Amino acid sequence: MENYIIAVLVLILLALVIGLIYLINLINSLKTRKNIEEEDIKRLNEENTIRSKEIILEAEKKALQLQSETEKTLFSMRNELNQLEKNLITRQDLIDRRESSLELKYQDLEKQKSSLEQSKKDTSRIRQELSQKLDEISQLTKEEARNIVITKMTEDLKDEYARKIKEFENDFVLKSDEITKNILVESMERSAVDYVSETTITVFNIPNEDVKGKIIGKEGRNIKVFERLTGVDVLIDETPDSICLSCFDPVRRHVASLAMEKLVADGRIHPGRIEEVVLAVKKDVAKEIRKNGENLAFDAGFTNLDPGLIKLLGRFKYRTSYGQALDKHTMEVVNICGQIAGELGVNVKLAKKCALFHDVGKVLTHEIEGGHPELGVMIAEKFHLEEAVKNAMLAHHHLAEPICIESALVYIGDAISGARPGARFNSVDDYSKRVKALEDVAREYDGVKEVYAIHAGREVRVLVVPEKLQDKDITILAHDIAKKIHDTQTYAGTVKINVIRETRAEDIAK
């Protein structure tokens, strides 16, 4: 029994030990599971923390990316807004300008409307005035009515007239650049030559008064034969020891002078001897003319001209114009034109040829009716000269427009040769009268204070009263003075009109 109890106790004890062990194991297992769970929870927490951080970082990254994209979008939108704003401002400015333009146009229309209304009123007033003027004119003479109308038109068109003159002058200045470079004034100084005075009478000295009787002959027979053979008039007056040979043909006068010199030296004066001497002198003069022509052509640079042209050139020596010997004048123009043509690089030979023959018609003016330019063209056509030479003959007297620069140079050379001091014979009295006449023309105009003719009469300097004339008035005044001088005065070359209007203010610094 006791064994049974012990066995039961042992079993119970064993059961307790096993239970205790199980309980311990269960507790340990629970602790282990708790630790595991805690570790899992810790690990999960760590993982969650890491995951949260990753999510946060990803969210921050996405937030930054989104922020950047948003900023870019905002920047783009801001630029678009700025551009839209600028466009709106531009459109607004355009609208404002259009409004201003429309406003100005409206104002202009209003002004035009007012001007039109004023014009209507002025027209009505002018009609009334004209009606009154017509009533007045009906009682005036034709000349008085004409003067009234001209005065009215002159006053109304004065501003327009001055503007037109200024436009023409400006246009001329623009177009004259090419012409201006062609004028080399130094040429007239380099080509200065001597001149003789023009005359139609040759005074021939005789040894004594008895020779006059021989020259006259019985019943005037000798003098009649002499005049018939030479074509000159022999003037025998009371002047002691001299007779006069008068003729407009310088060659005839030269022949008569040489023939008379031989007859007086020989002492035998009768019709037969007169005829013999005159014929011999004519032959000598013909040879002299041919030689003169050859020399003139050679000096100009031409050696193969037609004999007919040589003969005409030879007569230049016996022809004068305004005191200028034609051969000297021609050579001066040839030299001037050649120098200018060389400077410009144009045809020098053609320019010299134009200059050489520009006055060739003058040797026939006493034989054939007509002006020397037209006669020169006839000669040029006869001897088949170039068109430029024909044109130069007409153009240097404004009878035609120059067709080439060589032709235009002749006008320049001729003007320089004729206008330079000493070129043409003038007495002191004639010079003084011409200068005074130029000054008197300018003094006739209202508002002119002082007038000075300077540079040997090639410039007229006019000082005006500034209170009486405006700037626009002096343009018209210069034009009017130039036109009146051109119409009423005789002068060589050109006359420059220089009108000066100035106001001065003076003060003293103390």
Protein backbone atom coordinates (compact mmCIF):
# COMPACT_ATOMS: atom_id res chain seq x y z
CA MET A 1 0.00 0.00 0.00
CA GLU A 2 2.75 2.18 0.87
CA ASN A 3 4.43 1.30 -2.36
CA TYR A 4 1.28 2.21 -4.08
CA ILE A 5 1.20 5.46 -2.31
CA ILE A 6 4.86 6.00 -3.00
CA ALA A 7 4.28 5.11 -6.58
CA VAL A 8 1.39 7.46 -6.69
CA LEU A 9 3.42 10.11 -5.01
CA VAL A 10 6.29 9.46 -7.36
CA LEU A 11 3.90 9.68 -10.26
CA ILE A 12 2.44 12.81 -8.86
CA LEU A 13 5.90 14.19 -8.24
CA LEU A 14 6.96 13.12 -11.68
CA ALA A 15 3.83 14.70 -13.05
CA LEU A 16 4.65 17.84 -11.14
CA VAL A 17 8.22 17.80 -12.35
CA ILE A 18 7.04 17.21 -15.89
CA GLY A 19 4.40 19.87 -15.47
CA LEU A 20 6.94 22.21 -13.99
CA ILE A 21 9.33 21.47 -16.82
CA TYR A 22 6.56 21.98 -19.30
CA LEU A 23 5.57 25.14 -17.57
CA ILE A 24 9.14 26.33 -17.60
CA ASN A 25 9.47 25.36 -21.19
CA LEU A 26 6.15 27.05 -21.89
CA ILE A 27 7.30 30.14 -20.09
CA ASN A 28 10.61 30.04 -21.92
CA SER A 29 8.78 29.43 -25.13
CA LEU A 30 6.49 32.36 -24.41
CA LYS A 31 9.51 34.50 -23.52
CA THR A 32 11.22 33.37 -26.67
CA ARG A 33 8.13 34.03 -28.68
CA LYS A 34 7.77 37.36 -26.99
CA ASN A 35 11.37 38.18 -27.73
CA ILE A 36 10.88 37.01 -31.25
CA GLU A 37 7.74 39.01 -31.51
CA GLU A 38 9.52 41.98 -29.96
CA GLU A 39 12.40 41.50 -32.36
CA ASP A 40 9.93 41.11 -35.19
CA ILE A 41 8.12 44.17 -34.02
CA LYS A 42 11.46 45.98 -33.64
CA ARG A 43 12.55 44.75 -37.03
CA LEU A 44 9.21 45.68 -38.47
CA ASN A 45 9.47 49.04 -36.79
CA GLU A 46 12.97 49.46 -38.18
CA GLU A 47 11.78 48.32 -41.55
CA ASN A 48 8.80 50.60 -41.27
CA THR A 49 11.09 53.41 -40.21
CA ILE A 50 13.38 52.73 -43.14
CA ARG A 51 10.43 52.33 -45.43
CA SER A 52 8.93 55.52 -44.06
CA LYS A 53 12.20 57.32 -44.61
CA GLU A 54 12.39 55.92 -48.12
CA ILE A 55 8.81 56.92 -48.73
CA ILE A 56 9.53 60.32 -47.25
CA LEU A 57 12.69 60.67 -49.38
CA GLU A 58 10.79 59.50 -52.44
CA ALA A 59 7.99 61.87 -51.54
CA GLU A 60 10.49 64.68 -51.02
CA LYS A 61 12.18 63.81 -54.32
CA LYS A 62 8.85 63.76 -56.09
CA ALA A 63 7.89 66.91 -54.25
CA LEU A 64 11.15 68.58 -55.40
CA GLN A 65 10.63 67.30 -58.93
CA LEU A 66 7.06 68.47 -58.83
CA GLN A 67 8.20 71.77 -57.38
CA SER A 68 10.81 72.14 -60.15
CA GLU A 69 8.29 71.28 -62.84
CA THR A 70 5.83 73.60 -61.18
CA GLU A 71 8.43 76.38 -61.11
CA LYS A 72 9.27 75.75 -64.76
CA THR A 73 5.61 75.79 -65.59
CA LEU A 74 5.16 78.94 -63.55
CA PHE A 75 8.23 80.51 -65.22
CA SER A 76 6.89 79.60 -68.63
CA MET A 77 3.48 80.87 -67.70
CA ARG A 78 5.09 84.01 -66.28
CA ASN A 79 7.01 84.55 -69.56
CA GLU A 80 3.85 83.97 -71.53
CA LEU A 81 2.06 86.39 -69.26
CA ASN A 82 4.89 88.94 -69.71
CA GLN A 83 4.79 88.46 -73.48
CA LEU A 84 1.04 88.78 -73.43
CA GLU A 85 1.45 91.87 -71.31
CA LYS A 86 3.98 93.30 -73.77
CA ASN A 87 1.73 92.45 -76.68
CA LEU A 88 -1.15 94.06 -74.88
CA ILE A 89 1.00 97.13 -74.17
CA THR A 90 2.13 97.24 -77.83
CA ARG A 91 -1.41 96.86 -79.02
CA GLN A 92 -2.46 99.50 -76.55
CA ASP A 93 0.29 101.83 -77.85
CA LEU A 94 -0.75 101.05 -81.39
CA ILE A 95 -4.33 101.74 -80.48
CA ASP A 96 -3.25 104.94 -78.73
CA ARG A 97 -1.20 106.01 -81.76
CA ARG A 98 -4.06 105.19 -84.05
CA GLU A 99 -6.32 107.14 -81.79
CA SER A 100 -3.81 110.00 -81.86
CA SER A 101 -3.48 109.69 -85.63
CA LEU A 102 -7.22 109.61 -85.97
CA GLU A 103 -7.40 112.56 -83.65
CA LEU A 104 -4.83 114.44 -85.73
CA LYS A 105 -6.61 113.48 -88.92
CA TYR A 106 -9.80 114.62 -87.35
CA GLN A 107 -8.12 117.87 -86.37
CA ASP A 108 -6.67 118.17 -89.88
CA LEU A 109 -10.09 117.53 -91.30
CA GLU A 110 -11.44 120.14 -88.98
CA LYS A 111 -8.67 122.51 -90.06
CA GLN A 112 -9.28 121.67 -93.71
CA LYS A 113 -12.93 122.18 -93.11
CA SER A 114 -12.18 125.49 -91.46
CA SER A 115 -9.70 126.31 -94.23
CA LEU A 116 -12.26 125.35 -96.83
CA GLU A 117 -14.83 127.50 -95.15
CA GLN A 118 -12.25 130.28 -94.93
CA SER A 119 -11.35 129.71 -98.60
CA LYS A 120 -15.02 129.98 -99.46
CA LYS A 121 -15.17 133.17 -97.51
CA ASP A 122 -11.94 134.40 -99.13
CA THR A 123 -13.25 133.37 -102.53
CA SER A 124 -16.43 135.24 -101.87
CA ARG A 125 -14.43 138.20 -100.63
CA ILE A 126 -12.05 138.02 -103.61
CA ARG A 127 -15.01 137.86 -105.93
CA GLN A 128 -16.39 140.93 -104.31
CA GLU A 129 -12.98 142.60 -104.51
CA LEU A 130 -12.61 141.53 -108.13
CA SER A 131 -16.05 142.81 -108.80
CA GLN A 132 -15.04 146.10 -107.25
CA LYS A 133 -11.72 145.99 -109.12
CA LEU A 134 -13.55 145.30 -112.35
CA ASP A 135 -15.72 148.28 -111.65
CA GLU A 136 -12.58 150.30 -111.03
CA ILE A 137 -10.75 148.77 -114.00
CA SER A 138 -13.65 149.60 -116.24
CA GLN A 139 -12.65 153.20 -115.66
CA LEU A 140 -8.91 152.52 -116.11
CA THR A 141 -6.76 152.31 -119.22
CA LYS A 142 -5.56 148.98 -120.53
CA GLU A 143 -2.02 149.61 -119.26
CA GLU A 144 -3.23 150.63 -115.78
CA ALA A 145 -5.42 147.52 -115.52
CA ARG A 146 -2.52 145.35 -116.66
CA ASN A 147 -0.22 146.87 -114.01
CA ILE A 148 -2.79 146.28 -111.26
CA VAL A 149 -3.23 142.62 -112.23
CA ILE A 150 0.54 142.06 -112.49
CA THR A 151 1.12 143.71 -109.09
CA LYS A 152 -1.53 141.53 -107.47
CA MET A 153 -0.15 138.34 -109.04
CA THR A 154 3.39 139.26 -108.04
CA GLU A 155 2.39 139.74 -104.41
CA ASP A 156 0.39 136.50 -104.30
CA LEU A 157 3.13 134.40 -105.93
CA LYS A 158 6.13 135.96 -104.22
CA ASP A 159 6.73 133.13 -101.74
CA GLU A 160 6.19 130.50 -104.40
CA TYR A 161 8.51 132.35 -106.76
CA ALA A 162 11.29 132.45 -104.16
CA ARG A 163 10.81 128.77 -103.37
CA LYS A 164 10.98 127.81 -107.04
CA ILE A 165 14.14 129.84 -107.58
CA LYS A 166 15.71 128.12 -104.56
CA GLU A 167 14.70 124.71 -105.90
CA PHE A 168 16.18 125.51 -109.30
CA GLU A 169 19.40 126.74 -107.69
CA ASN A 170 19.68 123.61 -105.53
CA ASP A 171 19.00 121.41 -108.55
CA PHE A 172 21.62 123.31 -110.52
CA VAL A 173 24.16 122.91 -107.71
CA LEU A 174 23.56 119.15 -107.62
CA LYS A 175 23.88 118.81 -111.37
CA SER A 176 26.84 121.15 -111.65
CA ASP A 177 29.25 118.92 -109.68
CA GLU A 178 30.34 117.18 -112.87
CA ILE A 179 30.71 120.51 -114.69
CA THR A 180 32.46 122.25 -111.80
CA LYS A 181 35.39 119.85 -111.78
CA ASN A 182 35.97 120.66 -115.46
CA ILE A 183 36.72 124.33 -114.83
CA LEU A 184 40.39 124.96 -114.18
CA VAL A 185 40.66 128.66 -113.73
CA GLU A 186 44.43 128.42 -113.59
CA SER A 187 44.35 127.74 -117.33
CA MET A 188 43.64 131.36 -118.17
CA GLU A 189 46.80 132.43 -116.32
CA ARG A 190 48.95 129.78 -118.01
CA SER A 191 47.68 130.75 -121.46
CA ALA A 192 47.94 134.55 -121.30
CA VAL A 193 48.70 136.13 -124.67
CA ASP A 194 48.93 139.64 -126.10
CA TYR A 195 46.03 141.36 -127.85
CA VAL A 196 45.54 144.22 -130.29
CA SER A 197 42.64 146.62 -130.44
CA GLU A 198 39.87 146.21 -132.99
CA THR A 199 39.58 148.83 -135.73
CA THR A 200 38.20 149.23 -139.25
CA ILE A 201 40.58 152.01 -140.28
CA THR A 202 44.30 151.91 -141.03
CA VAL A 203 46.17 155.23 -140.85
CA PHE A 204 48.95 155.38 -143.45
CA ASN A 205 51.72 157.93 -143.06
CA ILE A 206 53.09 159.67 -146.17
CA PRO A 207 56.34 161.60 -146.56
CA ASN A 208 54.75 164.92 -147.56
CA GLU A 209 51.57 166.53 -148.84
CA ASP A 210 52.66 166.22 -152.48
CA VAL A 211 52.15 162.45 -152.32
CA LYS A 212 48.43 163.02 -151.68
CA GLY A 213 48.15 164.57 -155.13
CA LYS A 214 49.87 161.58 -156.74
CA ILE A 215 47.58 159.21 -154.90
CA ILE A 216 44.49 161.11 -156.07
CA GLY A 217 45.75 161.41 -159.65
CA LYS A 218 44.28 163.44 -162.50
CA GLU A 219 40.55 163.87 -161.87
CA GLY A 220 40.81 161.23 -159.11
CA ARG A 221 41.74 158.51 -161.57
CA ASN A 222 44.45 156.87 -159.43
CA ILE A 223 42.40 156.74 -156.24
CA LYS A 224 39.42 155.25 -158.10
CA VAL A 225 41.57 152.49 -159.61
CA PHE A 226 43.14 151.78 -156.21
CA GLU A 227 39.75 151.58 -154.49
CA ARG A 228 38.36 149.35 -157.24
CA LEU A 229 41.27 146.92 -157.15
CA THR A 230 41.62 146.72 -153.36
CA GLY A 231 37.98 147.15 -152.29
CA VAL A 232 38.81 149.76 -149.63
CA ASP A 233 37.92 153.41 -149.20
CA VAL A 234 40.81 155.87 -149.32
CA LEU A 235 40.04 158.83 -147.06
CA ILE A 236 42.12 161.96 -147.73
CA ASP A 237 41.31 164.84 -145.41
CA GLU A 238 43.02 167.82 -143.85
CA THR A 239 45.14 165.66 -141.56
CA PRO A 240 48.76 166.42 -142.46
CA ASP A 241 51.10 163.69 -143.76
CA SER A 242 48.56 160.84 -143.46
CA ILE A 243 45.73 159.15 -145.26
CA CYS A 244 43.16 156.62 -144.01
CA LEU A 245 42.30 153.23 -145.50
CA SER A 246 38.83 152.16 -144.40
CA CYS A 247 37.28 148.70 -144.86
CA PHE A 248 35.47 146.16 -142.73
CA ASP A 249 37.44 143.33 -144.39
CA PRO A 250 40.79 143.22 -142.56
CA VAL A 251 42.44 141.23 -145.36
CA ARG A 252 41.52 143.84 -147.96
CA ARG A 253 42.70 146.58 -145.63
CA HIS A 254 45.99 144.74 -145.14
CA VAL A 255 46.44 144.33 -148.93
CA ALA A 256 45.67 148.01 -149.49
CA SER A 257 48.15 149.06 -146.76
CA LEU A 258 50.98 146.98 -148.26
CA ALA A 259 50.16 148.14 -151.81
CA MET A 260 50.04 151.79 -150.75
CA GLU A 261 53.35 151.40 -148.93
CA LYS A 262 55.02 150.02 -152.10
CA LEU A 263 53.48 152.66 -154.35
CA VAL A 264 54.59 155.52 -152.08
CA ALA A 265 58.09 154.05 -151.73
CA ASP A 266 58.34 153.53 -155.51
CA GLY A 267 56.97 156.98 -156.34
CA ARG A 268 55.39 155.81 -159.59
CA ILE A 269 51.65 156.04 -159.02
CA HIS A 270 49.48 155.54 -162.09
CA PRO A 271 46.71 153.05 -162.98
CA GLY A 272 49.01 150.49 -164.62
CA ARG A 273 51.50 150.54 -161.80
CA ILE A 274 48.70 150.41 -159.22
CA GLU A 275 47.22 147.29 -160.85
CA GLU A 276 50.63 145.64 -161.05
CA VAL A 277 51.47 146.33 -157.41
CA VAL A 278 48.02 145.32 -156.08
CA LEU A 279 48.14 141.98 -157.92
CA ALA A 280 51.64 141.27 -156.60
CA VAL A 281 50.63 142.17 -153.03
CA LYS A 282 47.53 139.95 -153.25
CA LYS A 283 49.73 137.00 -154.20
CA ASP A 284 52.10 137.75 -151.32
CA VAL A 285 49.21 138.09 -148.87
CA ALA A 286 47.70 134.79 -150.11
CA LYS A 287 51.03 133.08 -149.36
CA GLU A 288 51.17 134.84 -145.99
CA ILE A 289 47.61 133.70 -145.20
CA ARG A 290 48.48 130.10 -146.07
CA LYS A 291 51.61 130.28 -143.93
CA ASN A 292 49.69 131.82 -141.03
CA GLY A 293 47.10 129.05 -141.29
CA GLU A 294 49.75 126.35 -141.31
CA ASN A 295 51.47 127.89 -138.30
CA LEU A 296 48.21 128.18 -136.39
CA ALA A 297 47.24 124.59 -137.21
CA PHE A 298 50.73 123.36 -136.27
CA ASP A 299 50.67 125.23 -132.95
CA ALA A 300 47.28 123.62 -132.21
CA GLY A 301 48.67 120.17 -133.04
CA PHE A 302 47.18 119.55 -136.53
CA THR A 303 49.32 118.99 -139.62
CA ASN A 304 47.03 117.36 -142.20
CA LEU A 305 44.09 119.75 -142.51
CA ASP A 306 42.31 120.55 -145.76
CA PRO A 307 43.93 123.47 -147.68
CA GLY A 308 40.60 125.29 -147.60
CA LEU A 309 40.58 125.12 -143.80
CA ILE A 310 44.22 126.23 -143.70
CA LYS A 311 43.27 129.30 -145.76
CA LEU A 312 40.44 130.16 -143.37
CA LEU A 313 42.71 129.72 -140.34
CA GLY A 314 45.27 132.00 -141.96
CA ARG A 315 42.73 134.82 -142.05
CA PHE A 316 42.37 134.67 -138.26
CA LYS A 317 45.38 136.98 -137.94
CA TYR A 318 43.49 139.82 -139.64
CA ARG A 319 40.24 139.38 -137.70
CA THR A 320 39.56 140.89 -134.29
CA SER A 321 36.57 140.85 -131.95
CA TYR A 322 36.17 143.29 -129.06
CA GLY A 323 39.87 144.06 -129.41
CA GLN A 324 40.95 140.41 -129.25
CA ALA A 325 43.07 139.21 -132.17
CA LEU A 326 41.23 136.12 -133.36
CA ASP A 327 44.35 133.98 -133.86
CA LYS A 328 45.63 134.76 -130.34
CA HIS A 329 42.21 134.22 -128.81
CA THR A 330 41.83 130.92 -130.66
CA MET A 331 45.18 129.61 -129.49
CA GLU A 332 44.36 130.61 -125.92
CA VAL A 333 41.06 128.71 -126.08
CA VAL A 334 42.88 125.73 -127.66
CA ASN A 335 45.41 125.68 -124.80
CA ILE A 336 42.74 126.07 -122.10
CA CYS A 337 40.55 123.30 -123.57
CA GLY A 338 43.55 121.02 -124.02
CA GLN A 339 44.64 121.50 -120.41
CA ILE A 340 41.16 120.93 -119.02
CA ALA A 341 40.61 117.88 -121.26
CA GLY A 342 43.90 116.44 -120.04
CA GLU A 343 42.87 116.94 -116.42
CA LEU A 344 39.54 115.24 -117.05
CA GLY A 345 40.98 112.40 -119.09
CA VAL A 346 38.80 113.04 -122.16
CA ASN A 347 39.77 113.32 -125.83
CA VAL A 348 42.39 116.12 -125.85
CA LYS A 349 42.77 116.17 -129.64
CA LEU A 350 39.02 116.50 -130.23
CA ALA A 351 38.77 119.23 -127.55
CA LYS A 352 41.57 121.20 -129.27
CA LYS A 353 39.94 120.75 -132.67
CA CYS A 354 36.62 122.05 -131.35
CA ALA A 355 38.45 125.05 -129.88
CA LEU A 356 40.47 125.66 -133.05
CA PHE A 357 37.39 126.00 -135.28
CA HIS A 358 34.82 127.39 -132.81
CA ASP A 359 35.10 130.93 -134.28
CA VAL A 360 35.96 130.04 -137.86
CA GLY A 361 32.71 131.61 -139.08
CA LYS A 362 33.96 135.06 -138.02
CA VAL A 363 36.27 135.29 -141.04
CA LEU A 364 33.17 135.24 -143.31
CA THR A 365 30.76 137.46 -141.36
CA HIS A 366 31.66 140.49 -143.50
CA GLU A 367 31.11 138.51 -146.70
CA ILE A 368 28.08 136.30 -145.98
CA GLU A 369 24.98 137.31 -144.03
CA GLY A 370 24.45 135.43 -140.80
CA GLY A 371 25.97 134.88 -137.38
CA HIS A 372 29.40 133.33 -137.10
CA PRO A 373 28.15 130.11 -135.35
CA GLU A 374 25.82 129.33 -138.27
CA LEU A 375 28.52 130.24 -140.80
CA GLY A 376 30.95 128.02 -138.91
CA VAL A 377 28.53 125.09 -139.18
CA MET A 378 28.29 125.69 -142.93
CA ILE A 379 32.09 125.55 -143.16
CA ALA A 380 32.21 122.41 -140.99
CA GLU A 381 29.66 120.67 -143.22
CA LYS A 382 31.57 121.68 -146.34
CA PHE A 383 34.84 120.22 -145.04
CA HIS A 384 33.20 117.25 -143.24
CA LEU A 385 34.31 118.13 -139.71
CA GLU A 386 33.14 116.08 -136.72
CA GLU A 387 29.70 116.58 -135.19
CA ALA A 388 31.35 117.63 -131.93
CA VAL A 389 33.10 120.50 -133.75
CA LYS A 390 29.80 121.66 -135.29
CA ASN A 391 28.11 121.42 -131.92
CA ALA A 392 30.89 123.44 -130.25
CA MET A 393 30.36 126.26 -132.75
CA LEU A 394 26.71 126.53 -131.71
CA ALA A 395 26.97 125.56 -128.03
CA HIS A 396 29.52 128.19 -127.03
CA HIS A 397 26.85 130.81 -127.85
CA HIS A 398 23.95 128.80 -126.31
CA LEU A 399 22.45 128.03 -129.72
CA ALA A 400 22.52 124.29 -128.93
CA GLU A 401 23.07 121.97 -125.98
CA PRO A 402 26.56 120.39 -125.78
CA ILE A 403 26.52 116.79 -126.97
CA CYS A 404 29.85 115.85 -125.39
CA ILE A 405 32.28 117.10 -122.78
CA GLU A 406 34.76 118.25 -125.46
CA SER A 407 32.10 120.51 -126.95
CA ALA A 408 31.19 121.91 -123.52
CA LEU A 409 34.85 122.73 -122.82
CA VAL A 410 34.85 125.25 -125.68
CA TYR A 411 32.25 127.36 -123.87
CA ILE A 412 34.42 127.32 -120.74
CA GLY A 413 37.62 128.16 -122.61
CA ASP A 414 35.94 130.92 -124.63
CA ALA A 415 34.46 132.47 -121.47
CA ILE A 416 37.79 132.34 -119.62
CA SER A 417 39.67 133.82 -122.57
CA GLY A 418 37.20 136.65 -123.08
CA ALA A 419 36.60 137.46 -119.41
CA ARG A 420 40.08 137.55 -117.98
CA PRO A 421 41.59 140.99 -117.26
CA GLY A 422 43.42 142.45 -120.25
CA ALA A 423 41.87 140.07 -122.76
CA ARG A 424 39.71 142.63 -124.47
CA PHE A 425 40.54 146.25 -125.13
CA ASN A 426 38.74 148.71 -122.90
CA SER A 427 39.60 152.27 -122.09
CA VAL A 428 39.52 153.46 -118.50
CA ASP A 429 36.42 155.53 -119.23
CA ASP A 430 34.63 152.53 -120.80
CA TYR A 431 35.58 150.35 -117.86
CA SER A 432 34.36 152.92 -115.34
CA LYS A 433 31.10 153.37 -117.21
CA ARG A 434 30.51 149.61 -117.40
CA VAL A 435 31.18 149.09 -113.70
CA LYS A 436 28.99 152.05 -112.76
CA ALA A 437 26.20 150.74 -115.01
CA LEU A 438 26.31 147.39 -113.20
CA GLU A 439 26.06 149.14 -109.82
CA ASP A 440 23.25 151.40 -111.01
CA VAL A 441 21.15 148.42 -112.07
CA ALA A 442 21.24 147.02 -108.52
CA ARG A 443 20.60 150.41 -106.89
CA GLU A 444 17.25 150.69 -108.66
CA TYR A 445 15.66 148.09 -106.38
CA ASP A 446 13.96 148.96 -103.11
CA GLY A 447 15.74 147.86 -99.93
CA VAL A 448 19.24 148.03 -101.43
CA LYS A 449 21.66 149.82 -99.11
CA GLU A 450 25.04 149.62 -100.87
CA VAL A 451 26.34 148.17 -104.14
CA TYR A 452 29.93 147.33 -105.09
CA ALA A 453 31.13 146.00 -108.44
CA ILE A 454 34.31 144.01 -107.72
CA HIS A 455 36.71 141.66 -109.52
CA ALA A 456 36.80 143.84 -112.64
CA GLY A 457 33.02 143.86 -112.88
CA ARG A 458 32.65 140.06 -112.71
CA GLU A 459 30.87 140.21 -109.33
CA VAL A 460 28.28 142.65 -108.00
CA ARG A 461 28.00 142.63 -104.22
CA VAL A 462 24.68 144.01 -102.96
CA LEU A 463 24.09 144.91 -99.29
CA VAL A 464 20.42 145.20 -98.34
CA VAL A 465 18.54 146.69 -95.39
CA PRO A 466 17.55 143.69 -93.21
CA GLU A 467 14.46 145.47 -91.88
CA LYS A 468 13.02 145.90 -95.39
CA LEU A 469 13.86 142.54 -96.96
CA GLN A 470 13.53 139.00 -95.65
CA ASP A 471 15.68 135.98 -96.53
CA LYS A 472 13.17 134.80 -99.14
CA ASP A 473 13.23 138.28 -100.72
CA ILE A 474 16.98 138.33 -101.37
CA THR A 475 16.75 135.20 -103.54
CA ILE A 476 14.24 136.94 -105.77
CA LEU A 477 16.29 140.15 -105.69
CA ALA A 478 19.46 138.36 -106.84
CA HIS A 479 17.53 136.67 -109.63
CA ASP A 480 15.92 139.93 -110.76
CA ILE A 481 19.22 141.83 -110.76
CA ALA A 482 20.96 139.08 -112.73
CA LYS A 483 18.15 139.02 -115.28
CA LYS A 484 18.14 142.78 -115.70
CA ILE A 485 21.93 142.88 -116.12
CA HIS A 486 21.67 140.12 -118.70
CA ASP A 487 18.97 142.01 -120.60
CA THR A 488 20.38 145.53 -120.42
CA GLN A 489 24.17 145.38 -120.06
CA THR A 490 27.03 144.30 -122.30
CA TYR A 491 29.78 142.30 -120.60
CA ALA A 492 32.24 139.49 -121.27
CA GLY A 493 31.89 136.15 -119.49
CA THR A 494 29.59 136.06 -116.47
CA VAL A 495 28.62 138.45 -113.67
CA LYS A 496 27.95 136.94 -110.24
CA ILE A 497 25.27 138.64 -108.13
CA ASN A 498 25.96 138.31 -104.41
CA VAL A 499 23.14 139.69 -102.22
CA ILE A 500 24.01 139.96 -98.52
CA ARG A 501 21.49 140.44 -95.70
CA GLU A 502 22.89 140.48 -92.19
CA THR A 503 21.93 141.78 -88.77
CA ARG A 504 24.47 142.55 -86.07
CA ALA A 505 24.14 142.91 -82.30
CA GLU A 506 26.86 144.53 -80.23
CA ASP A 507 27.37 144.91 -76.50
CA ILE A 508 30.20 145.71 -74.12
CA ALA A 509 31.25 143.59 -71.13
CA LYS A 510 32.18 145.86 -68.23
